[in-house]
Amino acid sequence: MGNFLVSITARVATLIMVSILLGASAASQQNDRQLVQNATPTVTNGRRIALVIGNGAYATAPPLKNPPNDARDIAAALKTLGFD
């Protein structure tokens, strides 16, 4: 009976520690994902401009083919939403 109680106590302690760690991790992730907007942007002429960069040429890595294609696709999607 003594070993059984020690085993159950150890399992409960482990579950508590895991739940604390998971809770802290979830709270940390939630804090990282919060977006804060300090001021309301003012639109003077109704023009919307977007800058899209697709960097496929890194100094310390081989050239990547997809980022420029992804940038073109994002730019096209933004144009359909009214961005210049």
PDB file of N, CA and C in Angstrom:
ATOM      1  N   MET A   1       0.822  -1.196   0.000  1.00  0.00           N
ATOM      2  CA  MET A   1       0.000   0.000   0.000  1.00  0.00           C
ATOM      3  C   MET A   1       0.861   1.252   0.000  1.00  0.00           C
ATOM      4  N   GLY A   2       2.008   1.209   0.680  1.00  0.00           N
ATOM      5  CA  GLY A   2       2.903   2.358   0.753  1.00  0.00           C
ATOM      6  C   GLY A   2       3.456   2.726  -0.611  1.00  0.00           C
ATOM      7  N   ASN A   3       3.890   1.718  -1.382  1.00  0.00           N
ATOM      8  CA  ASN A   3       4.410   1.982  -2.730  1.00  0.00           C
ATOM      9  C   ASN A   3       3.328   2.548  -3.641  1.00  0.00           C
ATOM     10  N   PHE A   4       2.114   2.065  -3.458  1.00  0.00           N
ATOM     11  CA  PHE A   4       1.005   2.549  -4.259  1.00  0.00           C
ATOM     12  C   PHE A   4       0.770   4.039  -3.996  1.00  0.00           C
ATOM     13  N   LEU A   5       0.784   4.446  -2.737  1.00  0.00           N
ATOM     14  CA  LEU A   5       0.585   5.860  -2.401  1.00  0.00           C
ATOM     15  C   LEU A   5       1.718   6.723  -2.931  1.00  0.00           C
ATOM     16  N   VAL A   6       2.948   6.222  -2.835  1.00  0.00           N
ATOM     17  CA  VAL A   6       4.088   6.970  -3.357  1.00  0.00           C
ATOM     18  C   VAL A   6       3.950   7.133  -4.865  1.00  0.00           C
ATOM     19  N   SER A   7       3.528   6.075  -5.543  1.00  0.00           N
ATOM     20  CA  SER A   7       3.357   6.117  -6.987  1.00  0.00           C
ATOM     21  C   SER A   7       2.268   7.111  -7.379  1.00  0.00           C
ATOM     22  N   ILE A   8       1.138   7.070  -6.695  1.00  0.00           N
ATOM     23  CA  ILE A   8       0.035   7.991  -6.983  1.00  0.00           C
ATOM     24  C   ILE A   8       0.460   9.428  -6.689  1.00  0.00           C
ATOM     25  N   THR A   9       1.138   9.644  -5.570  1.00  0.00           N
ATOM     26  CA  THR A   9       1.594  10.984  -5.206  1.00  0.00           C
ATOM     27  C   THR A   9       2.561  11.522  -6.252  1.00  0.00           C
ATOM     28  N   ALA A  10       3.476  10.692  -6.712  1.00  0.00           N
ATOM     29  CA  ALA A  10       4.432  11.109  -7.731  1.00  0.00           C
ATOM     30  C   ALA A  10       3.714  11.449  -9.030  1.00  0.00           C
ATOM     31  N   ARG A  11       2.719  10.663  -9.410  1.00  0.00           N
ATOM     32  CA  ARG A  11       1.968  10.924 -10.636  1.00  0.00           C
ATOM     33  C   ARG A  11       1.175  12.231 -10.529  1.00  0.00           C
ATOM     34  N   VAL A  12       0.556  12.446  -9.379  1.00  0.00           N
ATOM     35  CA  VAL A  12      -0.205  13.674  -9.182  1.00  0.00           C
ATOM     36  C   VAL A  12       0.738  14.880  -9.237  1.00  0.00           C
ATOM     37  N   ALA A  13       1.887  14.771  -8.572  1.00  0.00           N
ATOM     38  CA  ALA A  13       2.860  15.863  -8.584  1.00  0.00           C
ATOM     39  C   ALA A  13       3.335  16.135 -10.006  1.00  0.00           C
ATOM     40  N   THR A  14       3.568  15.091 -10.774  1.00  0.00           N
ATOM     41  CA  THR A  14       3.999  15.253 -12.167  1.00  0.00           C
ATOM     42  C   THR A  14       2.911  15.932 -12.990  1.00  0.00           C
ATOM     43  N   LEU A  15       1.661  15.504 -12.817  1.00  0.00           N
ATOM     44  CA  LEU A  15       0.559  16.121 -13.547  1.00  0.00           C
ATOM     45  C   LEU A  15       0.404  17.596 -13.186  1.00  0.00           C
ATOM     46  N   ILE A  16       0.577  17.925 -11.934  1.00  0.00           N
ATOM     47  CA  ILE A  16       0.482  19.323 -11.511  1.00  0.00           C
ATOM     48  C   ILE A  16       1.594  20.138 -12.145  1.00  0.00           C
ATOM     49  N   MET A  17       2.811  19.602 -12.134  1.00  0.00           N
ATOM     50  CA  MET A  17       3.936  20.335 -12.729  1.00  0.00           C
ATOM     51  C   MET A  17       3.724  20.521 -14.227  1.00  0.00           C
ATOM     52  N   VAL A  18       3.258  19.484 -14.914  1.00  0.00           N
ATOM     53  CA  VAL A  18       3.023  19.581 -16.351  1.00  0.00           C
ATOM     54  C   VAL A  18       1.938  20.613 -16.640  1.00  0.00           C
ATOM     55  N   SER A  19       0.859  20.598 -15.850  1.00  0.00           N
ATOM     56  CA  SER A  19      -0.214  21.560 -16.096  1.00  0.00           C
ATOM     57  C   SER A  19       0.246  22.990 -15.822  1.00  0.00           C
ATOM     58  N   ILE A  20       1.108  23.180 -14.827  1.00  0.00           N
ATOM     59  CA  ILE A  20       1.650  24.509 -14.557  1.00  0.00           C
ATOM     60  C   ILE A  20       2.510  24.965 -15.726  1.00  0.00           C
ATOM     61  N   LEU A  21       3.378  24.073 -16.217  1.00  0.00           N
ATOM     62  CA  LEU A  21       4.234  24.430 -17.345  1.00  0.00           C
ATOM     63  C   LEU A  21       3.429  24.718 -18.602  1.00  0.00           C
ATOM     64  N   LEU A  22       2.415  23.909 -18.857  1.00  0.00           N
ATOM     65  CA  LEU A  22       1.577  24.144 -20.035  1.00  0.00           C
ATOM     66  C   LEU A  22       0.801  25.444 -19.894  1.00  0.00           C
ATOM     67  N   GLY A  23       0.319  25.726 -18.716  1.00  0.00           N
ATOM     68  CA  GLY A  23      -0.396  26.974 -18.474  1.00  0.00           C
ATOM     69  C   GLY A  23       0.506  28.173 -18.675  1.00  0.00           C
ATOM     70  N   ALA A  24       1.737  28.087 -18.180  1.00  0.00           N
ATOM     71  CA  ALA A  24       2.688  29.192 -18.348  1.00  0.00           C
ATOM     72  C   ALA A  24       3.042  29.365 -19.819  1.00  0.00           C
ATOM     73  N   SER A  25       3.194  28.243 -20.520  1.00  0.00           N
ATOM     74  CA  SER A  25       3.516  28.309 -21.947  1.00  0.00           C
ATOM     75  C   SER A  25       2.372  28.939 -22.724  1.00  0.00           C
ATOM     76  N   ALA A  26       1.139  28.549 -22.423  1.00  0.00           N
ATOM     77  CA  ALA A  26      -0.024  29.107 -23.116  1.00  0.00           C
ATOM     78  C   ALA A  26      -0.157  30.595 -22.829  1.00  0.00           C
ATOM     79  N   ALA A  27       0.064  30.985 -21.578  1.00  0.00           N
ATOM     80  CA  ALA A  27      -0.026  32.408 -21.227  1.00  0.00           C
ATOM     81  C   ALA A  27       1.047  33.202 -21.951  1.00  0.00           C
ATOM     82  N   SER A  28       2.232  32.630 -22.053  1.00  0.00           N
ATOM     83  CA  SER A  28       3.325  33.303 -22.746  1.00  0.00           C
ATOM     84  C   SER A  28       2.992  33.473 -24.222  1.00  0.00           C
ATOM     85  N   GLN A  29       2.439  32.440 -24.841  1.00  0.00           N
ATOM     86  CA  GLN A  29       2.082  32.515 -26.246  1.00  0.00           C
ATOM     87  C   GLN A  29       0.975  33.528 -26.471  1.00  0.00           C
ATOM     88  N   GLN A  30       0.012  33.613 -25.559  1.00  0.00           N
ATOM     89  CA  GLN A  30      -1.063  34.579 -25.709  1.00  0.00           C
ATOM     90  C   GLN A  30      -0.521  35.999 -25.619  1.00  0.00           C
ATOM     91  N   ASN A  31       0.410  36.236 -24.711  1.00  0.00           N
ATOM     92  CA  ASN A  31       0.983  37.568 -24.581  1.00  0.00           C
ATOM     93  C   ASN A  31       1.763  37.955 -25.832  1.00  0.00           C
ATOM     94  N   ASP A  32       2.429  36.985 -26.446  1.00  0.00           N
ATOM     95  CA  ASP A  32       3.207  37.271 -27.638  1.00  0.00           C
ATOM     96  C   ASP A  32       2.314  37.603 -28.827  1.00  0.00           C
ATOM     97  N   ARG A  33       1.113  37.113 -28.830  1.00  0.00           N
ATOM     98  CA  ARG A  33       0.234  37.275 -29.986  1.00  0.00           C
ATOM     99  C   ARG A  33      -0.675  38.489 -29.889  1.00  0.00           C
ATOM    100  N   GLN A  34      -0.611  39.219 -28.793  1.00  0.00           N
ATOM    101  CA  GLN A  34      -1.468  40.381 -28.659  1.00  0.00           C
ATOM    102  C   GLN A  34      -0.903  41.538 -29.481  1.00  0.00           C
ATOM    103  N   LEU A  35      -1.747  42.103 -30.311  1.00  0.00           N
ATOM    104  CA  LEU A  35      -1.352  43.245 -31.112  1.00  0.00           C
ATOM    105  C   LEU A  35      -1.882  44.503 -30.447  1.00  0.00           C
ATOM    106  N   VAL A  36      -1.047  45.488 -30.355  1.00  0.00           N
ATOM    107  CA  VAL A  36      -1.441  46.736 -29.730  1.00  0.00           C
ATOM    108  C   VAL A  36      -1.327  47.848 -30.757  1.00  0.00           C
ATOM    109  N   GLN A  37      -2.377  48.594 -30.910  1.00  0.00           N
ATOM    110  CA  GLN A  37      -2.366  49.730 -31.822  1.00  0.00           C
ATOM    111  C   GLN A  37      -2.502  50.981 -30.966  1.00  0.00           C
ATOM    112  N   ASN A  38      -1.448  51.781 -30.947  1.00  0.00           N
ATOM    113  CA  ASN A  38      -1.420  52.953 -30.082  1.00  0.00           C
ATOM    114  C   ASN A  38      -2.259  54.106 -30.602  1.00  0.00           C
ATOM    115  N   ALA A  39      -2.342  54.252 -31.895  1.00  0.00           N
ATOM    116  CA  ALA A  39      -3.083  55.376 -32.451  1.00  0.00           C
ATOM    117  C   ALA A  39      -3.928  54.896 -33.618  1.00  0.00           C
ATOM    118  N   THR A  40      -5.010  55.544 -33.828  1.00  0.00           N
ATOM    119  CA  THR A  40      -5.864  55.222 -34.959  1.00  0.00           C
ATOM    120  C   THR A  40      -5.295  55.899 -36.198  1.00  0.00           C
ATOM    121  N   PRO A  41      -5.022  55.127 -37.245  1.00  0.00           N
ATOM    122  CA  PRO A  41      -4.465  55.746 -38.449  1.00  0.00           C
ATOM    123  C   PRO A  41      -5.501  56.653 -39.110  1.00  0.00           C
ATOM    124  N   THR A  42      -5.013  57.710 -39.637  1.00  0.00           N
ATOM    125  CA  THR A  42      -5.906  58.623 -40.350  1.00  0.00           C
ATOM    126  C   THR A  42      -5.655  58.469 -41.839  1.00  0.00           C
ATOM    127  N   VAL A  43      -6.718  58.366 -42.583  1.00  0.00           N
ATOM    128  CA  VAL A  43      -6.630  58.248 -44.034  1.00  0.00           C
ATOM    129  C   VAL A  43      -7.030  59.600 -44.604  1.00  0.00           C
ATOM    130  N   THR A  44      -6.081  60.234 -45.265  1.00  0.00           N
ATOM    131  CA  THR A  44      -6.370  61.573 -45.780  1.00  0.00           C
ATOM    132  C   THR A  44      -6.950  61.534 -47.180  1.00  0.00           C
ATOM    133  N   ASN A  45      -6.476  60.626 -48.010  1.00  0.00           N
ATOM    134  CA  ASN A  45      -6.976  60.597 -49.388  1.00  0.00           C
ATOM    135  C   ASN A  45      -7.596  59.250 -49.758  1.00  0.00           C
ATOM    136  N   GLY A  46      -7.725  58.358 -48.802  1.00  0.00           N
ATOM    137  CA  GLY A  46      -8.310  57.056 -49.065  1.00  0.00           C
ATOM    138  C   GLY A  46      -7.378  56.088 -49.773  1.00  0.00           C
ATOM    139  N   ARG A  47      -6.152  56.486 -50.017  1.00  0.00           N
ATOM    140  CA  ARG A  47      -5.193  55.634 -50.709  1.00  0.00           C
ATOM    141  C   ARG A  47      -4.576  54.639 -49.736  1.00  0.00           C
ATOM    142  N   ARG A  48      -4.496  53.394 -50.147  1.00  0.00           N
ATOM    143  CA  ARG A  48      -3.896  52.347 -49.324  1.00  0.00           C
ATOM    144  C   ARG A  48      -2.652  51.833 -50.036  1.00  0.00           C
ATOM    145  N   ILE A  49      -1.548  51.857 -49.335  1.00  0.00           N
ATOM    146  CA  ILE A  49      -0.264  51.456 -49.913  1.00  0.00           C
ATOM    147  C   ILE A  49       0.297  50.296 -49.101  1.00  0.00           C
ATOM    148  N   ALA A  50       0.837  49.307 -49.785  1.00  0.00           N
ATOM    149  CA  ALA A  50       1.469  48.164 -49.117  1.00  0.00           C
ATOM    150  C   ALA A  50       2.855  47.957 -49.699  1.00  0.00           C
ATOM    151  N   LEU A  51       3.774  47.612 -48.848  1.00  0.00           N
ATOM    152  CA  LEU A  51       5.126  47.246 -49.273  1.00  0.00           C
ATOM    153  C   LEU A  51       5.283  45.759 -49.043  1.00  0.00           C
ATOM    154  N   VAL A  52       5.553  45.031 -50.107  1.00  0.00           N
ATOM    155  CA  VAL A  52       5.716  43.582 -50.032  1.00  0.00           C
ATOM    156  C   VAL A  52       7.138  43.254 -50.453  1.00  0.00           C
ATOM    157  N   ILE A  53       7.842  42.511 -49.613  1.00  0.00           N
ATOM    158  CA  ILE A  53       9.228  42.143 -49.910  1.00  0.00           C
ATOM    159  C   ILE A  53       9.331  40.623 -49.915  1.00  0.00           C
ATOM    160  N   GLY A  54       9.890  40.086 -50.969  1.00  0.00           N
ATOM    161  CA  GLY A  54      10.127  38.650 -51.064  1.00  0.00           C
ATOM    162  C   GLY A  54      11.614  38.404 -51.202  1.00  0.00           C
ATOM    163  N   ASN A  55      12.284  38.238 -50.093  1.00  0.00           N
ATOM    164  CA  ASN A  55      13.742  38.087 -50.102  1.00  0.00           C
ATOM    165  C   ASN A  55      14.117  36.619 -50.286  1.00  0.00           C
ATOM    166  N   GLY A  56      14.709  36.330 -51.409  1.00  0.00           N
ATOM    167  CA  GLY A  56      15.175  34.980 -51.663  1.00  0.00           C
ATOM    168  C   GLY A  56      16.685  34.902 -51.766  1.00  0.00           C
ATOM    169  N   ALA A  57      17.371  36.020 -51.495  1.00  0.00           N
ATOM    170  CA  ALA A  57      18.833  36.079 -51.636  1.00  0.00           C
ATOM    171  C   ALA A  57      19.463  36.445 -50.298  1.00  0.00           C
ATOM    172  N   TYR A  58      19.680  35.445 -49.462  1.00  0.00           N
ATOM    173  CA  TYR A  58      20.329  35.658 -48.169  1.00  0.00           C
ATOM    174  C   TYR A  58      21.838  35.501 -48.312  1.00  0.00           C
ATOM    175  N   ALA A  59      22.587  36.219 -47.516  1.00  0.00           N
ATOM    176  CA  ALA A  59      24.047  36.172 -47.596  1.00  0.00           C
ATOM    177  C   ALA A  59      24.601  34.838 -47.117  1.00  0.00           C
ATOM    178  N   THR A  60      23.915  34.189 -46.170  1.00  0.00           N
ATOM    179  CA  THR A  60      24.463  32.969 -45.565  1.00  0.00           C
ATOM    180  C   THR A  60      23.670  31.718 -45.926  1.00  0.00           C
ATOM    181  N   ALA A  61      22.858  31.790 -46.962  1.00  0.00           N
ATOM    182  CA  ALA A  61      22.076  30.621 -47.376  1.00  0.00           C
ATOM    183  C   ALA A  61      22.017  30.595 -48.897  1.00  0.00           C
ATOM    184  N   PRO A  62      21.764  29.424 -49.459  1.00  0.00           N
ATOM    185  CA  PRO A  62      21.622  29.348 -50.915  1.00  0.00           C
ATOM    186  C   PRO A  62      20.381  30.126 -51.365  1.00  0.00           C
ATOM    187  N   PRO A  63      20.371  30.590 -52.608  1.00  0.00           N
ATOM    188  CA  PRO A  63      19.213  31.345 -53.100  1.00  0.00           C
ATOM    189  C   PRO A  63      17.922  30.537 -52.989  1.00  0.00           C
ATOM    190  N   LEU A  64      16.878  31.204 -52.574  1.00  0.00           N
ATOM    191  CA  LEU A  64      15.560  30.573 -52.459  1.00  0.00           C
ATOM    192  C   LEU A  64      14.706  31.032 -53.632  1.00  0.00           C
ATOM    193  N   LYS A  65      13.968  30.109 -54.226  1.00  0.00           N
ATOM    194  CA  LYS A  65      13.155  30.444 -55.398  1.00  0.00           C
ATOM    195  C   LYS A  65      11.762  30.953 -55.017  1.00  0.00           C
ATOM    196  N   ASN A  66      11.204  30.500 -53.921  1.00  0.00           N
ATOM    197  CA  ASN A  66       9.806  30.783 -53.623  1.00  0.00           C
ATOM    198  C   ASN A  66       9.489  32.172 -53.075  1.00  0.00           C
ATOM    199  N   PRO A  67      10.320  32.802 -52.264  1.00  0.00           N
ATOM    200  CA  PRO A  67       9.921  34.107 -51.703  1.00  0.00           C
ATOM    201  C   PRO A  67       9.508  35.145 -52.749  1.00  0.00           C
ATOM    202  N   PRO A  68      10.223  35.301 -53.867  1.00  0.00           N
ATOM    203  CA  PRO A  68       9.735  36.274 -54.863  1.00  0.00           C
ATOM    204  C   PRO A  68       8.364  35.902 -55.430  1.00  0.00           C
ATOM    205  N   ASN A  69       8.129  34.598 -55.647  1.00  0.00           N
ATOM    206  CA  ASN A  69       6.815  34.162 -56.137  1.00  0.00           C
ATOM    207  C   ASN A  69       5.735  34.446 -55.098  1.00  0.00           C
ATOM    208  N   ASP A  70       6.029  34.156 -53.820  1.00  0.00           N
ATOM    209  CA  ASP A  70       5.074  34.430 -52.747  1.00  0.00           C
ATOM    210  C   ASP A  70       4.774  35.925 -52.668  1.00  0.00           C
ATOM    211  N   ALA A  71       5.807  36.748 -52.806  1.00  0.00           N
ATOM    212  CA  ALA A  71       5.621  38.197 -52.748  1.00  0.00           C
ATOM    213  C   ALA A  71       4.722  38.673 -53.890  1.00  0.00           C
ATOM    214  N   ARG A  72       4.924  38.127 -55.082  1.00  0.00           N
ATOM    215  CA  ARG A  72       4.065  38.501 -56.210  1.00  0.00           C
ATOM    216  C   ARG A  72       2.611  38.107 -55.934  1.00  0.00           C
ATOM    217  N   ASP A  73       2.405  36.921 -55.385  1.00  0.00           N
ATOM    218  CA  ASP A  73       1.043  36.470 -55.075  1.00  0.00           C
ATOM    219  C   ASP A  73       0.386  37.352 -54.010  1.00  0.00           C
ATOM    220  N   ILE A  74       1.142  37.695 -52.965  1.00  0.00           N
ATOM    221  CA  ILE A  74       0.606  38.563 -51.912  1.00  0.00           C
ATOM    222  C   ILE A  74       0.300  39.944 -52.486  1.00  0.00           C
ATOM    223  N   ALA A  75       1.198  40.472 -53.317  1.00  0.00           N
ATOM    224  CA  ALA A  75       0.969  41.782 -53.933  1.00  0.00           C
ATOM    225  C   ALA A  75      -0.295  41.761 -54.788  1.00  0.00           C
ATOM    226  N   ALA A  76      -0.501  40.701 -55.547  1.00  0.00           N
ATOM    227  CA  ALA A  76      -1.713  40.588 -56.372  1.00  0.00           C
ATOM    228  C   ALA A  76      -2.969  40.537 -55.497  1.00  0.00           C
ATOM    229  N   ALA A  77      -2.892  39.792 -54.404  1.00  0.00           N
ATOM    230  CA  ALA A  77      -4.043  39.718 -53.495  1.00  0.00           C
ATOM    231  C   ALA A  77      -4.335  41.077 -52.868  1.00  0.00           C
ATOM    232  N   LEU A  78      -3.292  41.788 -52.481  1.00  0.00           N
ATOM    233  CA  LEU A  78      -3.482  43.120 -51.892  1.00  0.00           C
ATOM    234  C   LEU A  78      -4.063  44.098 -52.903  1.00  0.00           C
ATOM    235  N   LYS A  79      -3.653  43.985 -54.167  1.00  0.00           N
ATOM    236  CA  LYS A  79      -4.203  44.858 -55.203  1.00  0.00           C
ATOM    237  C   LYS A  79      -5.717  44.646 -55.334  1.00  0.00           C
ATOM    238  N   THR A  80      -6.151  43.386 -55.241  1.00  0.00           N
ATOM    239  CA  THR A  80      -7.605  43.128 -55.323  1.00  0.00           C
ATOM    240  C   THR A  80      -8.345  43.704 -54.119  1.00  0.00           C
ATOM    241  N   LEU A  81      -7.631  43.948 -53.025  1.00  0.00           N
ATOM    242  CA  LEU A  81      -8.237  44.551 -51.837  1.00  0.00           C
ATOM    243  C   LEU A  81      -8.124  46.074 -51.830  1.00  0.00           C
ATOM    244  N   GLY A  82      -7.584  46.639 -52.906  1.00  0.00           N
ATOM    245  CA  GLY A  82      -7.528  48.083 -53.025  1.00  0.00           C
ATOM    246  C   GLY A  82      -6.217  48.734 -52.647  1.00  0.00           C
ATOM    247  N   PHE A  83      -5.175  47.952 -52.476  1.00  0.00           N
ATOM    248  CA  PHE A  83      -3.859  48.512 -52.147  1.00  0.00           C
ATOM    249  C   PHE A  83      -3.097  48.833 -53.422  1.00  0.00           C
ATOM    250  N   ASP A  84      -2.298  49.888 -53.347  1.00  0.00           N
ATOM    251  CA  ASP A  84      -1.334  50.216 -54.414  1.00  0.00           C
ATOM    252  C   ASP A  84      -0.014  49.560 -54.053  1.00  0.00           C
TER     253      ASP A  84
END
